[in-house]
Amino acid sequence: MGTFYPVGKEKVELTQEEMRQIKKFDKVGMTLMGFKPRSYLKTYHNVKHSMFVFPDEKKVIGSSQCADALIKEMIRKDKISIVRV
């Protein structure tokens, strides 16, 4: 029994140790990578379903106001955010 990961039309075999290393590649969470013009986003970039993040005032006071300001500014400048999850 082996572990495989699809790459193109091929299945690449991975060892259990390689799978552990891949899963621990980076810390858990989100990292804002930057911003790009909305025109850069192509349909084929969507490899998984969309994820939506909502502010949580109970954990971070002012997060709703910050998120609202960020979204309005991105719309005004016609930008998208690039985030690693």
PDB file of N, CA and C in Angstrom:
ATOM      1  N   MET A   1       0.846  -1.164   0.000  1.00  0.00           N
ATOM      2  CA  MET A   1       0.000   0.000   0.000  1.00  0.00           C
ATOM      3  C   MET A   1       0.892   1.228   0.000  1.00  0.00           C
ATOM      4  N   GLY A   2       0.599   2.178  -0.882  1.00  0.00           N
ATOM      5  CA  GLY A   2       1.435   3.364  -0.969  1.00  0.00           C
ATOM      6  C   GLY A   2       0.606   4.629  -0.987  1.00  0.00           C
ATOM      7  N   THR A   3       1.293   5.746  -0.871  1.00  0.00           N
ATOM      8  CA  THR A   3       0.661   7.046  -0.932  1.00  0.00           C
ATOM      9  C   THR A   3       1.063   7.708  -2.232  1.00  0.00           C
ATOM     10  N   PHE A   4       0.068   8.209  -2.933  1.00  0.00           N
ATOM     11  CA  PHE A   4       0.312   8.850  -4.218  1.00  0.00           C
ATOM     12  C   PHE A   4      -0.289  10.245  -4.214  1.00  0.00           C
ATOM     13  N   TYR A   5       0.288  11.137  -5.011  1.00  0.00           N
ATOM     14  CA  TYR A   5      -0.268  12.470  -5.194  1.00  0.00           C
ATOM     15  C   TYR A   5      -0.332  12.726  -6.691  1.00  0.00           C
ATOM     16  N   PRO A   6      -1.517  13.118  -7.213  1.00  0.00           N
ATOM     17  CA  PRO A   6      -1.627  13.347  -8.653  1.00  0.00           C
ATOM     18  C   PRO A   6      -0.898  14.619  -9.081  1.00  0.00           C
ATOM     19  N   VAL A   7      -0.064  14.499 -10.083  1.00  0.00           N
ATOM     20  CA  VAL A   7       0.631  15.627 -10.685  1.00  0.00           C
ATOM     21  C   VAL A   7       0.419  15.504 -12.182  1.00  0.00           C
ATOM     22  N   GLY A   8      -0.405  16.377 -12.728  1.00  0.00           N
ATOM     23  CA  GLY A   8      -0.768  16.253 -14.136  1.00  0.00           C
ATOM     24  C   GLY A   8      -1.542  14.973 -14.333  1.00  0.00           C
ATOM     25  N   LYS A   9      -1.079  14.142 -15.264  1.00  0.00           N
ATOM     26  CA  LYS A   9      -1.748  12.868 -15.538  1.00  0.00           C
ATOM     27  C   LYS A   9      -1.039  11.705 -14.852  1.00  0.00           C
ATOM     28  N   GLU A  10      -0.024  12.018 -14.058  1.00  0.00           N
ATOM     29  CA  GLU A  10       0.741  10.966 -13.393  1.00  0.00           C
ATOM     30  C   GLU A  10       0.444  10.945 -11.895  1.00  0.00           C
ATOM     31  N   LYS A  11       0.697   9.791 -11.285  1.00  0.00           N
ATOM     32  CA  LYS A  11       0.618   9.660  -9.836  1.00  0.00           C
ATOM     33  C   LYS A  11       2.035   9.529  -9.305  1.00  0.00           C
ATOM     34  N   VAL A  12       2.411  10.451  -8.425  1.00  0.00           N
ATOM     35  CA  VAL A  12       3.753  10.443  -7.857  1.00  0.00           C
ATOM     36  C   VAL A  12       3.687   9.723  -6.513  1.00  0.00           C
ATOM     37  N   GLU A  13       4.524   8.714  -6.347  1.00  0.00           N
ATOM     38  CA  GLU A  13       4.540   7.948  -5.098  1.00  0.00           C
ATOM     39  C   GLU A  13       5.342   8.706  -4.042  1.00  0.00           C
ATOM     40  N   LEU A  14       4.791   8.779  -2.829  1.00  0.00           N
ATOM     41  CA  LEU A  14       5.454   9.460  -1.728  1.00  0.00           C
ATOM     42  C   LEU A  14       5.587   8.510  -0.544  1.00  0.00           C
ATOM     43  N   THR A  15       6.701   8.626   0.159  1.00  0.00           N
ATOM     44  CA  THR A  15       6.886   7.815   1.362  1.00  0.00           C
ATOM     45  C   THR A  15       6.118   8.464   2.514  1.00  0.00           C
ATOM     46  N   GLN A  16       5.941   7.739   3.605  1.00  0.00           N
ATOM     47  CA  GLN A  16       5.269   8.293   4.774  1.00  0.00           C
ATOM     48  C   GLN A  16       6.048   9.478   5.340  1.00  0.00           C
ATOM     49  N   GLU A  17       7.369   9.404   5.311  1.00  0.00           N
ATOM     50  CA  GLU A  17       8.200  10.501   5.803  1.00  0.00           C
ATOM     51  C   GLU A  17       8.016  11.748   4.926  1.00  0.00           C
ATOM     52  N   GLU A  18       7.952  11.574   3.610  1.00  0.00           N
ATOM     53  CA  GLU A  18       7.720  12.707   2.717  1.00  0.00           C
ATOM     54  C   GLU A  18       6.349  13.343   2.977  1.00  0.00           C
ATOM     55  N   MET A  19       5.334  12.529   3.224  1.00  0.00           N
ATOM     56  CA  MET A  19       4.000  13.043   3.533  1.00  0.00           C
ATOM     57  C   MET A  19       4.030  13.859   4.830  1.00  0.00           C
ATOM     58  N   ARG A  20       4.754  13.384   5.851  1.00  0.00           N
ATOM     59  CA  ARG A  20       4.874  14.126   7.108  1.00  0.00           C
ATOM     60  C   ARG A  20       5.546  15.480   6.875  1.00  0.00           C
ATOM     61  N   GLN A  21       6.589  15.497   6.059  1.00  0.00           N
ATOM     62  CA  GLN A  21       7.304  16.737   5.772  1.00  0.00           C
ATOM     63  C   GLN A  21       6.413  17.723   5.014  1.00  0.00           C
ATOM     64  N   ILE A  22       5.628  17.223   4.078  1.00  0.00           N
ATOM     65  CA  ILE A  22       4.736  18.088   3.307  1.00  0.00           C
ATOM     66  C   ILE A  22       3.681  18.697   4.220  1.00  0.00           C
ATOM     67  N   LYS A  23       3.118  17.889   5.114  1.00  0.00           N
ATOM     68  CA  LYS A  23       2.074  18.379   6.008  1.00  0.00           C
ATOM     69  C   LYS A  23       2.604  19.395   7.008  1.00  0.00           C
ATOM     70  N   LYS A  24       3.890  19.360   7.316  1.00  0.00           N
ATOM     71  CA  LYS A  24       4.490  20.304   8.259  1.00  0.00           C
ATOM     72  C   LYS A  24       5.334  21.345   7.534  1.00  0.00           C
ATOM     73  N   PHE A  25       4.988  21.623   6.272  1.00  0.00           N
ATOM     74  CA  PHE A  25       5.747  22.555   5.442  1.00  0.00           C
ATOM     75  C   PHE A  25       5.831  23.948   6.050  1.00  0.00           C
ATOM     76  N   ASP A  26       4.730  24.412   6.606  1.00  0.00           N
ATOM     77  CA  ASP A  26       4.701  25.751   7.172  1.00  0.00           C
ATOM     78  C   ASP A  26       3.737  25.765   8.349  1.00  0.00           C
ATOM     79  N   LYS A  27       3.744  26.830   9.096  1.00  0.00           N
ATOM     80  CA  LYS A  27       2.859  26.919  10.256  1.00  0.00           C
ATOM     81  C   LYS A  27       1.398  26.924   9.806  1.00  0.00           C
ATOM     82  N   VAL A  28       0.523  26.498  10.689  1.00  0.00           N
ATOM     83  CA  VAL A  28      -0.901  26.454  10.405  1.00  0.00           C
ATOM     84  C   VAL A  28      -1.451  27.876  10.429  1.00  0.00           C
ATOM     85  N   GLY A  29      -2.336  28.193   9.517  1.00  0.00           N
ATOM     86  CA  GLY A  29      -2.973  29.510   9.515  1.00  0.00           C
ATOM     87  C   GLY A  29      -2.938  30.142   8.143  1.00  0.00           C
ATOM     88  N   MET A  30      -3.139  31.446   8.127  1.00  0.00           N
ATOM     89  CA  MET A  30      -3.156  32.215   6.887  1.00  0.00           C
ATOM     90  C   MET A  30      -2.005  33.210   6.880  1.00  0.00           C
ATOM     91  N   THR A  31      -1.423  33.401   5.702  1.00  0.00           N
ATOM     92  CA  THR A  31      -0.384  34.400   5.527  1.00  0.00           C
ATOM     93  C   THR A  31      -0.738  35.243   4.315  1.00  0.00           C
ATOM     94  N   LEU A  32      -0.856  36.540   4.502  1.00  0.00           N
ATOM     95  CA  LEU A  32      -1.130  37.448   3.396  1.00  0.00           C
ATOM     96  C   LEU A  32       0.147  37.589   2.579  1.00  0.00           C
ATOM     97  N   MET A  33       0.076  37.190   1.307  1.00  0.00           N
ATOM     98  CA  MET A  33       1.245  37.245   0.442  1.00  0.00           C
ATOM     99  C   MET A  33       1.365  38.600  -0.260  1.00  0.00           C
ATOM    100  N   GLY A  34       0.213  39.221  -0.543  1.00  0.00           N
ATOM    101  CA  GLY A  34       0.234  40.518  -1.201  1.00  0.00           C
ATOM    102  C   GLY A  34      -1.054  40.769  -1.960  1.00  0.00           C
ATOM    103  N   PHE A  35      -1.014  41.764  -2.839  1.00  0.00           N
ATOM    104  CA  PHE A  35      -2.189  42.158  -3.608  1.00  0.00           C
ATOM    105  C   PHE A  35      -1.848  42.187  -5.088  1.00  0.00           C
ATOM    106  N   LYS A  36      -2.827  41.857  -5.917  1.00  0.00           N
ATOM    107  CA  LYS A  36      -2.672  41.887  -7.374  1.00  0.00           C
ATOM    108  C   LYS A  36      -3.909  42.539  -7.980  1.00  0.00           C
ATOM    109  N   PRO A  37      -3.782  43.088  -9.190  1.00  0.00           N
ATOM    110  CA  PRO A  37      -4.977  43.588  -9.878  1.00  0.00           C
ATOM    111  C   PRO A  37      -5.980  42.442 -10.089  1.00  0.00           C
ATOM    112  N   ARG A  38      -7.268  42.755  -9.979  1.00  0.00           N
ATOM    113  CA  ARG A  38      -8.299  41.730 -10.122  1.00  0.00           C
ATOM    114  C   ARG A  38      -8.227  41.053 -11.484  1.00  0.00           C
ATOM    115  N   SER A  39      -7.749  41.753 -12.498  1.00  0.00           N
ATOM    116  CA  SER A  39      -7.656  41.186 -13.848  1.00  0.00           C
ATOM    117  C   SER A  39      -6.658  40.022 -13.922  1.00  0.00           C
ATOM    118  N   TYR A  40      -5.750  39.910 -12.946  1.00  0.00           N
ATOM    119  CA  TYR A  40      -4.787  38.809 -12.931  1.00  0.00           C
ATOM    120  C   TYR A  40      -5.431  37.464 -12.607  1.00  0.00           C
ATOM    121  N   LEU A  41      -6.589  37.491 -11.936  1.00  0.00           N
ATOM    122  CA  LEU A  41      -7.246  36.256 -11.512  1.00  0.00           C
ATOM    123  C   LEU A  41      -7.917  35.587 -12.705  1.00  0.00           C
ATOM    124  N   LYS A  42      -7.517  34.376 -13.010  1.00  0.00           N
ATOM    125  CA  LYS A  42      -8.077  33.614 -14.128  1.00  0.00           C
ATOM    126  C   LYS A  42      -8.908  32.452 -13.586  1.00  0.00           C
ATOM    127  N   THR A  43      -9.835  31.977 -14.376  1.00  0.00           N
ATOM    128  CA  THR A  43     -10.710  30.886 -13.971  1.00  0.00           C
ATOM    129  C   THR A  43      -9.909  29.651 -13.588  1.00  0.00           C
ATOM    130  N   TYR A  44      -8.847  29.339 -14.327  1.00  0.00           N
ATOM    131  CA  TYR A  44      -8.070  28.128 -14.066  1.00  0.00           C
ATOM    132  C   TYR A  44      -7.227  28.221 -12.792  1.00  0.00           C
ATOM    133  N   HIS A  45      -7.124  29.386 -12.177  1.00  0.00           N
ATOM    134  CA  HIS A  45      -6.424  29.503 -10.897  1.00  0.00           C
ATOM    135  C   HIS A  45      -7.211  28.866  -9.764  1.00  0.00           C
ATOM    136  N   ASN A  46      -8.516  28.716  -9.944  1.00  0.00           N
ATOM    137  CA  ASN A  46      -9.370  28.164  -8.905  1.00  0.00           C
ATOM    138  C   ASN A  46      -9.263  26.642  -8.921  1.00  0.00           C
ATOM    139  N   VAL A  47      -8.363  26.096  -8.101  1.00  0.00           N
ATOM    140  CA  VAL A  47      -8.157  24.645  -8.066  1.00  0.00           C
ATOM    141  C   VAL A  47      -8.975  23.986  -6.961  1.00  0.00           C
ATOM    142  N   LYS A  48      -9.449  24.773  -6.003  1.00  0.00           N
ATOM    143  CA  LYS A  48     -10.301  24.271  -4.926  1.00  0.00           C
ATOM    144  C   LYS A  48     -11.417  25.281  -4.713  1.00  0.00           C
ATOM    145  N   HIS A  49     -12.374  24.922  -3.872  1.00  0.00           N
ATOM    146  CA  HIS A  49     -13.481  25.832  -3.603  1.00  0.00           C
ATOM    147  C   HIS A  49     -12.981  27.087  -2.870  1.00  0.00           C
ATOM    148  N   SER A  50     -13.751  28.146  -2.992  1.00  0.00           N
ATOM    149  CA  SER A  50     -13.402  29.402  -2.336  1.00  0.00           C
ATOM    150  C   SER A  50     -13.526  29.269  -0.829  1.00  0.00           C
ATOM    151  N   MET A  51     -12.734  30.051  -0.132  1.00  0.00           N
ATOM    152  CA  MET A  51     -12.812  30.089   1.331  1.00  0.00           C
ATOM    153  C   MET A  51     -13.123  31.521   1.736  1.00  0.00           C
ATOM    154  N   PHE A  52     -14.009  31.674   2.676  1.00  0.00           N
ATOM    155  CA  PHE A  52     -14.365  32.993   3.165  1.00  0.00           C
ATOM    156  C   PHE A  52     -13.938  33.107   4.626  1.00  0.00           C
ATOM    157  N   VAL A  53     -13.363  34.237   4.963  1.00  0.00           N
ATOM    158  CA  VAL A  53     -12.887  34.482   6.315  1.00  0.00           C
ATOM    159  C   VAL A  53     -13.724  35.617   6.891  1.00  0.00           C
ATOM    160  N   PHE A  54     -14.183  35.429   8.108  1.00  0.00           N
ATOM    161  CA  PHE A  54     -15.016  36.428   8.744  1.00  0.00           C
ATOM    162  C   PHE A  54     -14.315  36.951   9.992  1.00  0.00           C
ATOM    163  N   PRO A  55     -14.444  38.255  10.255  1.00  0.00           N
ATOM    164  CA  PRO A  55     -13.852  38.815  11.474  1.00  0.00           C
ATOM    165  C   PRO A  55     -14.563  38.272  12.717  1.00  0.00           C
ATOM    166  N   ASP A  56     -13.840  38.207  13.810  1.00  0.00           N
ATOM    167  CA  ASP A  56     -14.382  37.713  15.069  1.00  0.00           C
ATOM    168  C   ASP A  56     -14.126  38.754  16.159  1.00  0.00           C
ATOM    169  N   GLU A  57     -15.136  39.557  16.430  1.00  0.00           N
ATOM    170  CA  GLU A  57     -15.007  40.624  17.427  1.00  0.00           C
ATOM    171  C   GLU A  57     -14.738  40.094  18.828  1.00  0.00           C
ATOM    172  N   LYS A  58     -15.138  38.859  19.114  1.00  0.00           N
ATOM    173  CA  LYS A  58     -14.906  38.288  20.447  1.00  0.00           C
ATOM    174  C   LYS A  58     -13.419  38.039  20.687  1.00  0.00           C
ATOM    175  N   LYS A  59     -12.698  37.689  19.618  1.00  0.00           N
ATOM    176  CA  LYS A  59     -11.266  37.408  19.750  1.00  0.00           C
ATOM    177  C   LYS A  59     -10.409  38.643  19.501  1.00  0.00           C
ATOM    178  N   VAL A  60     -10.800  39.457  18.501  1.00  0.00           N
ATOM    179  CA  VAL A  60     -10.014  40.644  18.146  1.00  0.00           C
ATOM    180  C   VAL A  60     -10.969  41.824  18.008  1.00  0.00           C
ATOM    181  N   ILE A  61     -10.949  42.721  18.961  1.00  0.00           N
ATOM    182  CA  ILE A  61     -11.819  43.888  18.924  1.00  0.00           C
ATOM    183  C   ILE A  61     -11.367  44.804  17.789  1.00  0.00           C
ATOM    184  N   GLY A  62     -12.316  45.207  16.961  1.00  0.00           N
ATOM    185  CA  GLY A  62     -12.013  46.068  15.820  1.00  0.00           C
ATOM    186  C   GLY A  62     -11.772  45.301  14.535  1.00  0.00           C
ATOM    187  N   SER A  63     -11.828  43.967  14.582  1.00  0.00           N
ATOM    188  CA  SER A  63     -11.546  43.169  13.384  1.00  0.00           C
ATOM    189  C   SER A  63     -12.593  43.389  12.294  1.00  0.00           C
ATOM    190  N   SER A  64     -13.859  43.626  12.678  1.00  0.00           N
ATOM    191  CA  SER A  64     -14.912  43.875  11.680  1.00  0.00           C
ATOM    192  C   SER A  64     -14.657  45.184  10.949  1.00  0.00           C
ATOM    193  N   GLN A  65     -14.282  46.203  11.698  1.00  0.00           N
ATOM    194  CA  GLN A  65     -14.003  47.502  11.091  1.00  0.00           C
ATOM    195  C   GLN A  65     -12.782  47.421  10.171  1.00  0.00           C
ATOM    196  N   CYS A  66     -11.774  46.704  10.596  1.00  0.00           N
ATOM    197  CA  CYS A  66     -10.560  46.527   9.792  1.00  0.00           C
ATOM    198  C   CYS A  66     -10.873  45.769   8.504  1.00  0.00           C
ATOM    199  N   ALA A  67     -11.628  44.669   8.621  1.00  0.00           N
ATOM    200  CA  ALA A  67     -11.986  43.869   7.443  1.00  0.00           C
ATOM    201  C   ALA A  67     -12.820  44.691   6.471  1.00  0.00           C
ATOM    202  N   ASP A  68     -13.768  45.471   6.997  1.00  0.00           N
ATOM    203  CA  ASP A  68     -14.612  46.316   6.154  1.00  0.00           C
ATOM    204  C   ASP A  68     -13.772  47.340   5.391  1.00  0.00           C
ATOM    205  N   ALA A  69     -12.851  47.982   6.077  1.00  0.00           N
ATOM    206  CA  ALA A  69     -11.988  48.977   5.433  1.00  0.00           C
ATOM    207  C   ALA A  69     -11.116  48.334   4.358  1.00  0.00           C
ATOM    208  N   LEU A  70     -10.577  47.149   4.656  1.00  0.00           N
ATOM    209  CA  LEU A  70      -9.729  46.449   3.685  1.00  0.00           C
ATOM    210  C   LEU A  70     -10.524  46.077   2.436  1.00  0.00           C
ATOM    211  N   ILE A  71     -11.703  45.520   2.624  1.00  0.00           N
ATOM    212  CA  ILE A  71     -12.532  45.113   1.481  1.00  0.00           C
ATOM    213  C   ILE A  71     -12.921  46.317   0.637  1.00  0.00           C
ATOM    214  N   LYS A  72     -13.350  47.403   1.279  1.00  0.00           N
ATOM    215  CA  LYS A  72     -13.736  48.607   0.526  1.00  0.00           C
ATOM    216  C   LYS A  72     -12.561  49.167  -0.271  1.00  0.00           C
ATOM    217  N   GLU A  73     -11.390  49.170   0.321  1.00  0.00           N
ATOM    218  CA  GLU A  73     -10.206  49.694  -0.369  1.00  0.00           C
ATOM    219  C   GLU A  73      -9.799  48.783  -1.534  1.00  0.00           C
ATOM    220  N   MET A  74      -9.893  47.456  -1.338  1.00  0.00           N
ATOM    221  CA  MET A  74      -9.570  46.534  -2.436  1.00  0.00           C
ATOM    222  C   MET A  74     -10.558  46.714  -3.584  1.00  0.00           C
ATOM    223  N   ILE A  75     -11.835  46.916  -3.287  1.00  0.00           N
ATOM    224  CA  ILE A  75     -12.830  47.154  -4.341  1.00  0.00           C
ATOM    225  C   ILE A  75     -12.523  48.471  -5.048  1.00  0.00           C
ATOM    226  N   ARG A  76     -12.224  49.502  -4.281  1.00  0.00           N
ATOM    227  CA  ARG A  76     -11.926  50.819  -4.867  1.00  0.00           C
ATOM    228  C   ARG A  76     -10.720  50.758  -5.807  1.00  0.00           C
ATOM    229  N   LYS A  77      -9.706  49.997  -5.418  1.00  0.00           N
ATOM    230  CA  LYS A  77      -8.500  49.891  -6.238  1.00  0.00           C
ATOM    231  C   LYS A  77      -8.547  48.736  -7.230  1.00  0.00           C
ATOM    232  N   ASP A  78      -9.656  47.977  -7.240  1.00  0.00           N
ATOM    233  CA  ASP A  78      -9.834  46.828  -8.128  1.00  0.00           C
ATOM    234  C   ASP A  78      -8.700  45.807  -7.952  1.00  0.00           C
ATOM    235  N   LYS A  79      -8.454  45.453  -6.690  1.00  0.00           N
ATOM    236  CA  LYS A  79      -7.385  44.511  -6.330  1.00  0.00           C
ATOM    237  C   LYS A  79      -7.971  43.266  -5.673  1.00  0.00           C
ATOM    238  N   ILE A  80      -7.177  42.195  -5.664  1.00  0.00           N
ATOM    239  CA  ILE A  80      -7.495  40.973  -4.922  1.00  0.00           C
ATOM    240  C   ILE A  80      -6.331  40.694  -3.988  1.00  0.00           C
ATOM    241  N   SER A  81      -6.625  39.991  -2.908  1.00  0.00           N
ATOM    242  CA  SER A  81      -5.543  39.622  -1.989  1.00  0.00           C
ATOM    243  C   SER A  81      -5.092  38.200  -2.299  1.00  0.00           C
ATOM    244  N   ILE A  82      -3.820  37.953  -2.186  1.00  0.00           N
ATOM    245  CA  ILE A  82      -3.238  36.626  -2.375  1.00  0.00           C
ATOM    246  C   ILE A  82      -2.842  36.119  -0.992  1.00  0.00           C
ATOM    247  N   VAL A  83      -3.455  34.992  -0.597  1.00  0.00           N
ATOM    248  CA  VAL A  83      -3.270  34.468   0.745  1.00  0.00           C
ATOM    249  C   VAL A  83      -2.892  32.993   0.682  1.00  0.00           C
ATOM    250  N   ARG A  84      -1.925  32.595   1.492  1.00  0.00           N
ATOM    251  CA  ARG A  84      -1.568  31.176   1.618  1.00  0.00           C
ATOM    252  C   ARG A  84      -2.273  30.644   2.850  1.00  0.00           C
ATOM    253  N   VAL A  85      -2.988  29.526   2.684  1.00  0.00           N
ATOM    254  CA  VAL A  85      -3.726  28.926   3.796  1.00  0.00           C
ATOM    255  C   VAL A  85      -3.112  27.590   4.121  1.00  0.00           C
TER     256      VAL A  85
END
